[in-house]
Amino acid sequence: MAYIVISIVCAVAFAAGLVVRRVRLFMPAAAFVVWGIATLVASIITVSPGMVAVADLFGKVQSETYGEGLHLINPLYTTRQMTIRRQSLHFTSTSRDGKSVTALSADRNPLEIDVSFPFRLNGGVAWKIYQRVGGTGYYRGQLIFPSARSAVRDAVSQFPWAEASIEKLPEVAALM
């Protein structure tokens, strides 16, 4: 947005320099230099390590992502960074994500489960996630959390309570 304002001010100064004869070439040249510097500054982004940047132009998400490092982009792009680092979703009674999952076993007995799910965002499809769901906080709450909770409930429901809690615990974990 600041780039657009600077461009308009420079265009007005350039036009004013052409109209006013006393200023001669100083005003248009100065306006052109300021505009060039503003364009260069607005075109450079730095993506932090472990992140990807997703760009949008006036609300239209671009179908590419920018990996970590320095990039030269369209100065009108707005960028958002999303983490591609490994994250964990914890379903335990003491976690910040909420409480443990209560699932019904095959014999309809409730089984309270404490479990953690590691996950990470694929940087190549980050633009699709941003476009359809939103940034990091949104996809965690709208995609990962419900999928993980559903996976726990589906896995536990295939075994009777005694098997799911003791005997076949590795098989339950493999199904999740």
C-alpha atoms as a PDB file:
ATOM      1  CA  MET A   1       0.000   0.000   0.000  1.00  0.00           C
ATOM      2  CA  ALA A   2       2.841   2.372   0.841  1.00  0.00           C
ATOM      3  CA  TYR A   3       4.373   1.571  -2.541  1.00  0.00           C
ATOM      4  CA  ILE A   4       1.194   2.710  -4.315  1.00  0.00           C
ATOM      5  CA  VAL A   5       1.124   5.975  -2.337  1.00  0.00           C
ATOM      6  CA  ILE A   6       4.804   6.676  -3.085  1.00  0.00           C
ATOM      7  CA  SER A   7       4.217   5.919  -6.779  1.00  0.00           C
ATOM      8  CA  ILE A   8       1.312   8.378  -6.936  1.00  0.00           C
ATOM      9  CA  VAL A   9       3.298  11.106  -5.158  1.00  0.00           C
ATOM     10  CA  CYS A  10       6.247  10.559  -7.518  1.00  0.00           C
ATOM     11  CA  ALA A  11       3.966  10.685 -10.571  1.00  0.00           C
ATOM     12  CA  VAL A  12       2.467  13.978  -9.377  1.00  0.00           C
ATOM     13  CA  ALA A  13       5.932  15.418  -8.694  1.00  0.00           C
ATOM     14  CA  PHE A  14       7.115  14.243 -12.109  1.00  0.00           C
ATOM     15  CA  ALA A  15       4.127  15.861 -13.830  1.00  0.00           C
ATOM     16  CA  ALA A  16       4.526  19.057 -11.806  1.00  0.00           C
ATOM     17  CA  GLY A  17       8.186  19.204 -12.790  1.00  0.00           C
ATOM     18  CA  LEU A  18       7.268  18.995 -16.447  1.00  0.00           C
ATOM     19  CA  VAL A  19       4.655  21.758 -16.152  1.00  0.00           C
ATOM     20  CA  VAL A  20       6.622  24.248 -14.062  1.00  0.00           C
ATOM     21  CA  ARG A  21       9.454  25.639 -16.199  1.00  0.00           C
ATOM     22  CA  ARG A  22      11.548  27.007 -13.354  1.00  0.00           C
ATOM     23  CA  VAL A  23      12.163  23.572 -11.862  1.00  0.00           C
ATOM     24  CA  ARG A  24      13.477  22.227 -15.171  1.00  0.00           C
ATOM     25  CA  LEU A  25      14.694  18.664 -14.969  1.00  0.00           C
ATOM     26  CA  PHE A  26      15.490  18.483 -11.245  1.00  0.00           C
ATOM     27  CA  MET A  27      11.943  17.684 -10.035  1.00  0.00           C
ATOM     28  CA  PRO A  28      11.177  14.966 -12.611  1.00  0.00           C
ATOM     29  CA  ALA A  29      14.612  13.383 -12.134  1.00  0.00           C
ATOM     30  CA  ALA A  30      14.286  13.409  -8.350  1.00  0.00           C
ATOM     31  CA  ALA A  31      10.781  11.916  -8.584  1.00  0.00           C
ATOM     32  CA  PHE A  32      12.053   9.207 -10.893  1.00  0.00           C
ATOM     33  CA  VAL A  33      14.944   8.322  -8.542  1.00  0.00           C
ATOM     34  CA  VAL A  34      12.648   8.190  -5.488  1.00  0.00           C
ATOM     35  CA  TRP A  35      10.195   5.999  -7.391  1.00  0.00           C
ATOM     36  CA  GLY A  36      13.012   3.664  -8.505  1.00  0.00           C
ATOM     37  CA  ILE A  37      14.317   3.277  -4.961  1.00  0.00           C
ATOM     38  CA  ALA A  38      10.789   2.667  -3.617  1.00  0.00           C
ATOM     39  CA  THR A  39      10.214   0.023  -6.308  1.00  0.00           C
ATOM     40  CA  LEU A  40      13.445  -1.762  -5.452  1.00  0.00           C
ATOM     41  CA  VAL A  41      12.766  -1.723  -1.705  1.00  0.00           C
ATOM     42  CA  ALA A  42       9.180  -2.951  -2.178  1.00  0.00           C
ATOM     43  CA  SER A  43      10.362  -5.747  -4.487  1.00  0.00           C
ATOM     44  CA  ILE A  44      12.762  -7.405  -2.044  1.00  0.00           C
ATOM     45  CA  ILE A  45      11.490  -9.887   0.550  1.00  0.00           C
ATOM     46  CA  THR A  46      13.361 -12.037   3.028  1.00  0.00           C
ATOM     47  CA  VAL A  47      11.844 -15.383   3.976  1.00  0.00           C
ATOM     48  CA  SER A  48      12.958 -16.668   7.363  1.00  0.00           C
ATOM     49  CA  PRO A  49      14.495 -20.139   7.816  1.00  0.00           C
ATOM     50  CA  GLY A  50      11.865 -22.852   8.164  1.00  0.00           C
ATOM     51  CA  MET A  51       9.236 -20.730   6.450  1.00  0.00           C
ATOM     52  CA  VAL A  52       7.727 -20.261   2.998  1.00  0.00           C
ATOM     53  CA  ALA A  53       6.135 -17.071   1.721  1.00  0.00           C
ATOM     54  CA  VAL A  54       2.812 -17.021  -0.081  1.00  0.00           C
ATOM     55  CA  ALA A  55       2.046 -13.968  -2.222  1.00  0.00           C
ATOM     56  CA  ASP A  56      -1.228 -12.430  -3.249  1.00  0.00           C
ATOM     57  CA  LEU A  57      -1.968  -9.589  -5.649  1.00  0.00           C
ATOM     58  CA  PHE A  58      -5.085  -7.619  -4.736  1.00  0.00           C
ATOM     59  CA  GLY A  59      -6.622 -10.691  -3.056  1.00  0.00           C
ATOM     60  CA  LYS A  60      -5.668 -13.255  -5.735  1.00  0.00           C
ATOM     61  CA  VAL A  61      -3.287 -15.833  -4.287  1.00  0.00           C
ATOM     62  CA  GLN A  62      -0.336 -16.574  -6.563  1.00  0.00           C
ATOM     63  CA  SER A  63       0.285 -20.246  -7.376  1.00  0.00           C
ATOM     64  CA  GLU A  64       3.885 -20.296  -6.227  1.00  0.00           C
ATOM     65  CA  THR A  65       5.686 -20.129  -2.920  1.00  0.00           C
ATOM     66  CA  TYR A  66       9.009 -18.559  -2.021  1.00  0.00           C
ATOM     67  CA  GLY A  67      11.464 -20.613   0.033  1.00  0.00           C
ATOM     68  CA  GLU A  68      13.788 -19.231   2.648  1.00  0.00           C
ATOM     69  CA  GLY A  69      16.214 -16.532   1.618  1.00  0.00           C
ATOM     70  CA  LEU A  70      16.155 -13.287  -0.346  1.00  0.00           C
ATOM     71  CA  HIS A  71      13.730 -12.904  -3.280  1.00  0.00           C
ATOM     72  CA  LEU A  72      12.911 -10.242  -5.849  1.00  0.00           C
ATOM     73  CA  ILE A  73       9.133 -10.111  -6.407  1.00  0.00           C
ATOM     74  CA  ASN A  74       6.430  -7.892  -7.880  1.00  0.00           C
ATOM     75  CA  PRO A  75       6.307  -4.804  -5.616  1.00  0.00           C
ATOM     76  CA  LEU A  76       2.508  -4.950  -5.498  1.00  0.00           C
ATOM     77  CA  TYR A  77       2.477  -8.438  -3.902  1.00  0.00           C
ATOM     78  CA  THR A  78       1.457  -8.840  -0.297  1.00  0.00           C
ATOM     79  CA  THR A  79       3.273 -11.779   1.293  1.00  0.00           C
ATOM     80  CA  ARG A  80       2.459 -13.980   4.273  1.00  0.00           C
ATOM     81  CA  GLN A  81       4.915 -16.416   5.795  1.00  0.00           C
ATOM     82  CA  MET A  82       3.879 -19.925   6.814  1.00  0.00           C
ATOM     83  CA  THR A  83       6.001 -22.365   8.789  1.00  0.00           C
ATOM     84  CA  ILE A  84       7.182 -25.625   7.242  1.00  0.00           C
ATOM     85  CA  ARG A  85       8.871 -26.751  10.440  1.00  0.00           C
ATOM     86  CA  ARG A  86       7.780 -29.903  12.218  1.00  0.00           C
ATOM     87  CA  GLN A  87       4.951 -29.206  14.645  1.00  0.00           C
ATOM     88  CA  SER A  88       3.041 -31.396  17.084  1.00  0.00           C
ATOM     89  CA  LEU A  89      -0.595 -31.586  18.000  1.00  0.00           C
ATOM     90  CA  HIS A  90      -1.091 -32.947  21.519  1.00  0.00           C
ATOM     91  CA  PHE A  91      -4.245 -34.515  22.861  1.00  0.00           C
ATOM     92  CA  THR A  92      -3.428 -34.734  26.560  1.00  0.00           C
ATOM     93  CA  SER A  93      -5.201 -33.486  29.622  1.00  0.00           C
ATOM     94  CA  THR A  94      -2.355 -31.020  30.302  1.00  0.00           C
ATOM     95  CA  SER A  95      -1.708 -29.742  26.751  1.00  0.00           C
ATOM     96  CA  ARG A  96      -2.412 -26.299  25.326  1.00  0.00           C
ATOM     97  CA  ASP A  97      -4.293 -27.870  22.367  1.00  0.00           C
ATOM     98  CA  GLY A  98      -7.107 -29.064  24.559  1.00  0.00           C
ATOM     99  CA  LYS A  99      -7.913 -32.220  26.366  1.00  0.00           C
ATOM    100  CA  SER A 100      -7.390 -35.874  25.675  1.00  0.00           C
ATOM    101  CA  VAL A 101      -9.614 -37.628  23.157  1.00  0.00           C
ATOM    102  CA  THR A 102     -12.461 -39.788  24.381  1.00  0.00           C
ATOM    103  CA  ALA A 103     -13.269 -42.524  21.883  1.00  0.00           C
ATOM    104  CA  LEU A 104     -15.721 -45.401  21.981  1.00  0.00           C
ATOM    105  CA  SER A 105     -14.304 -48.887  21.591  1.00  0.00           C
ATOM    106  CA  ALA A 106     -15.970 -51.621  19.516  1.00  0.00           C
ATOM    107  CA  ASP A 107     -17.911 -52.766  22.603  1.00  0.00           C
ATOM    108  CA  ARG A 108     -19.069 -49.130  23.173  1.00  0.00           C
ATOM    109  CA  ASN A 109     -16.943 -48.429  26.243  1.00  0.00           C
ATOM    110  CA  PRO A 110     -15.327 -44.973  26.420  1.00  0.00           C
ATOM    111  CA  LEU A 111     -11.554 -44.903  26.313  1.00  0.00           C
ATOM    112  CA  GLU A 112      -9.687 -41.701  27.128  1.00  0.00           C
ATOM    113  CA  ILE A 113      -6.510 -41.394  25.060  1.00  0.00           C
ATOM    114  CA  ASP A 114      -3.492 -39.130  25.383  1.00  0.00           C
ATOM    115  CA  VAL A 115      -1.716 -38.946  22.025  1.00  0.00           C
ATOM    116  CA  SER A 116       0.524 -36.614  20.009  1.00  0.00           C
ATOM    117  CA  PHE A 117       0.567 -36.169  16.236  1.00  0.00           C
ATOM    118  CA  PRO A 118       3.622 -34.704  14.516  1.00  0.00           C
ATOM    119  CA  PHE A 119       2.954 -32.865  11.256  1.00  0.00           C
ATOM    120  CA  ARG A 120       4.506 -30.363   8.891  1.00  0.00           C
ATOM    121  CA  LEU A 121       3.207 -28.309   5.984  1.00  0.00           C
ATOM    122  CA  ASN A 122       4.390 -29.247   2.484  1.00  0.00           C
ATOM    123  CA  GLY A 123       5.902 -25.991   1.207  1.00  0.00           C
ATOM    124  CA  GLY A 124       4.904 -26.713  -2.396  1.00  0.00           C
ATOM    125  CA  VAL A 125       1.187 -26.649  -1.599  1.00  0.00           C
ATOM    126  CA  ALA A 126       1.286 -23.881   1.007  1.00  0.00           C
ATOM    127  CA  TRP A 127      -0.354 -21.467  -1.446  1.00  0.00           C
ATOM    128  CA  LYS A 128      -3.369 -23.825  -1.816  1.00  0.00           C
ATOM    129  CA  ILE A 129      -3.734 -24.159   1.950  1.00  0.00           C
ATOM    130  CA  TYR A 130      -3.505 -20.376   2.341  1.00  0.00           C
ATOM    131  CA  GLN A 131      -6.041 -19.833  -0.447  1.00  0.00           C
ATOM    132  CA  ARG A 132      -8.608 -22.368   0.758  1.00  0.00           C
ATOM    133  CA  VAL A 133      -8.175 -22.382   4.537  1.00  0.00           C
ATOM    134  CA  GLY A 134      -5.939 -19.542   5.687  1.00  0.00           C
ATOM    135  CA  GLY A 135      -2.625 -19.125   7.462  1.00  0.00           C
ATOM    136  CA  THR A 136      -0.870 -21.361   9.986  1.00  0.00           C
ATOM    137  CA  GLY A 137      -3.363 -20.940  12.815  1.00  0.00           C
ATOM    138  CA  TYR A 138      -6.305 -21.644  10.552  1.00  0.00           C
ATOM    139  CA  TYR A 139      -5.133 -24.867   8.906  1.00  0.00           C
ATOM    140  CA  ARG A 140      -4.042 -26.270  12.258  1.00  0.00           C
ATOM    141  CA  GLY A 141      -7.497 -25.735  13.731  1.00  0.00           C
ATOM    142  CA  GLN A 142      -9.573 -26.529  10.640  1.00  0.00           C
ATOM    143  CA  LEU A 143      -7.631 -29.391   9.015  1.00  0.00           C
ATOM    144  CA  ILE A 144      -5.106 -31.004  11.353  1.00  0.00           C
ATOM    145  CA  PHE A 145      -7.043 -30.970  14.644  1.00  0.00           C
ATOM    146  CA  PRO A 146     -10.297 -32.528  13.314  1.00  0.00           C
ATOM    147  CA  SER A 147      -8.413 -35.082  11.178  1.00  0.00           C
ATOM    148  CA  ALA A 148      -6.287 -36.209  14.102  1.00  0.00           C
ATOM    149  CA  ARG A 149      -9.268 -36.487  16.443  1.00  0.00           C
ATOM    150  CA  SER A 150     -11.174 -38.476  13.813  1.00  0.00           C
ATOM    151  CA  ALA A 151      -8.183 -40.801  13.251  1.00  0.00           C
ATOM    152  CA  VAL A 152      -8.044 -41.596  16.971  1.00  0.00           C
ATOM    153  CA  ARG A 153     -11.758 -42.327  17.160  1.00  0.00           C
ATOM    154  CA  ASP A 154     -11.702 -44.488  14.009  1.00  0.00           C
ATOM    155  CA  ALA A 155      -8.723 -46.536  15.219  1.00  0.00           C
ATOM    156  CA  VAL A 156     -10.125 -47.164  18.700  1.00  0.00           C
ATOM    157  CA  SER A 157     -13.571 -48.110  17.410  1.00  0.00           C
ATOM    158  CA  GLN A 158     -12.144 -51.188  15.646  1.00  0.00           C
ATOM    159  CA  PHE A 159     -11.138 -52.967  18.867  1.00  0.00           C
ATOM    160  CA  PRO A 160     -12.878 -53.965  22.122  1.00  0.00           C
ATOM    161  CA  TRP A 161     -11.911 -51.889  25.157  1.00  0.00           C
ATOM    162  CA  ALA A 162      -9.489 -54.406  26.681  1.00  0.00           C
ATOM    163  CA  GLU A 163      -7.631 -54.922  23.410  1.00  0.00           C
ATOM    164  CA  ALA A 164      -7.501 -51.221  22.501  1.00  0.00           C
ATOM    165  CA  SER A 165      -6.159 -50.185  25.901  1.00  0.00           C
ATOM    166  CA  ILE A 166      -3.664 -52.986  26.595  1.00  0.00           C
ATOM    167  CA  GLU A 167      -3.205 -55.932  24.250  1.00  0.00           C
ATOM    168  CA  LYS A 168      -3.314 -54.374  20.784  1.00  0.00           C
ATOM    169  CA  LEU A 169      -2.098 -50.885  21.594  1.00  0.00           C
ATOM    170  CA  PRO A 170       0.632 -50.960  18.880  1.00  0.00           C
ATOM    171  CA  GLU A 171      -1.999 -51.895  16.265  1.00  0.00           C
ATOM    172  CA  VAL A 172      -4.234 -49.031  17.392  1.00  0.00           C
ATOM    173  CA  ALA A 173      -1.275 -46.658  17.128  1.00  0.00           C
ATOM    174  CA  ALA A 174      -0.464 -47.938  13.629  1.00  0.00           C
ATOM    175  CA  LEU A 175      -4.033 -47.243  12.480  1.00  0.00           C
ATOM    176  CA  MET A 176      -3.803 -43.644  13.664  1.00  0.00           C
END
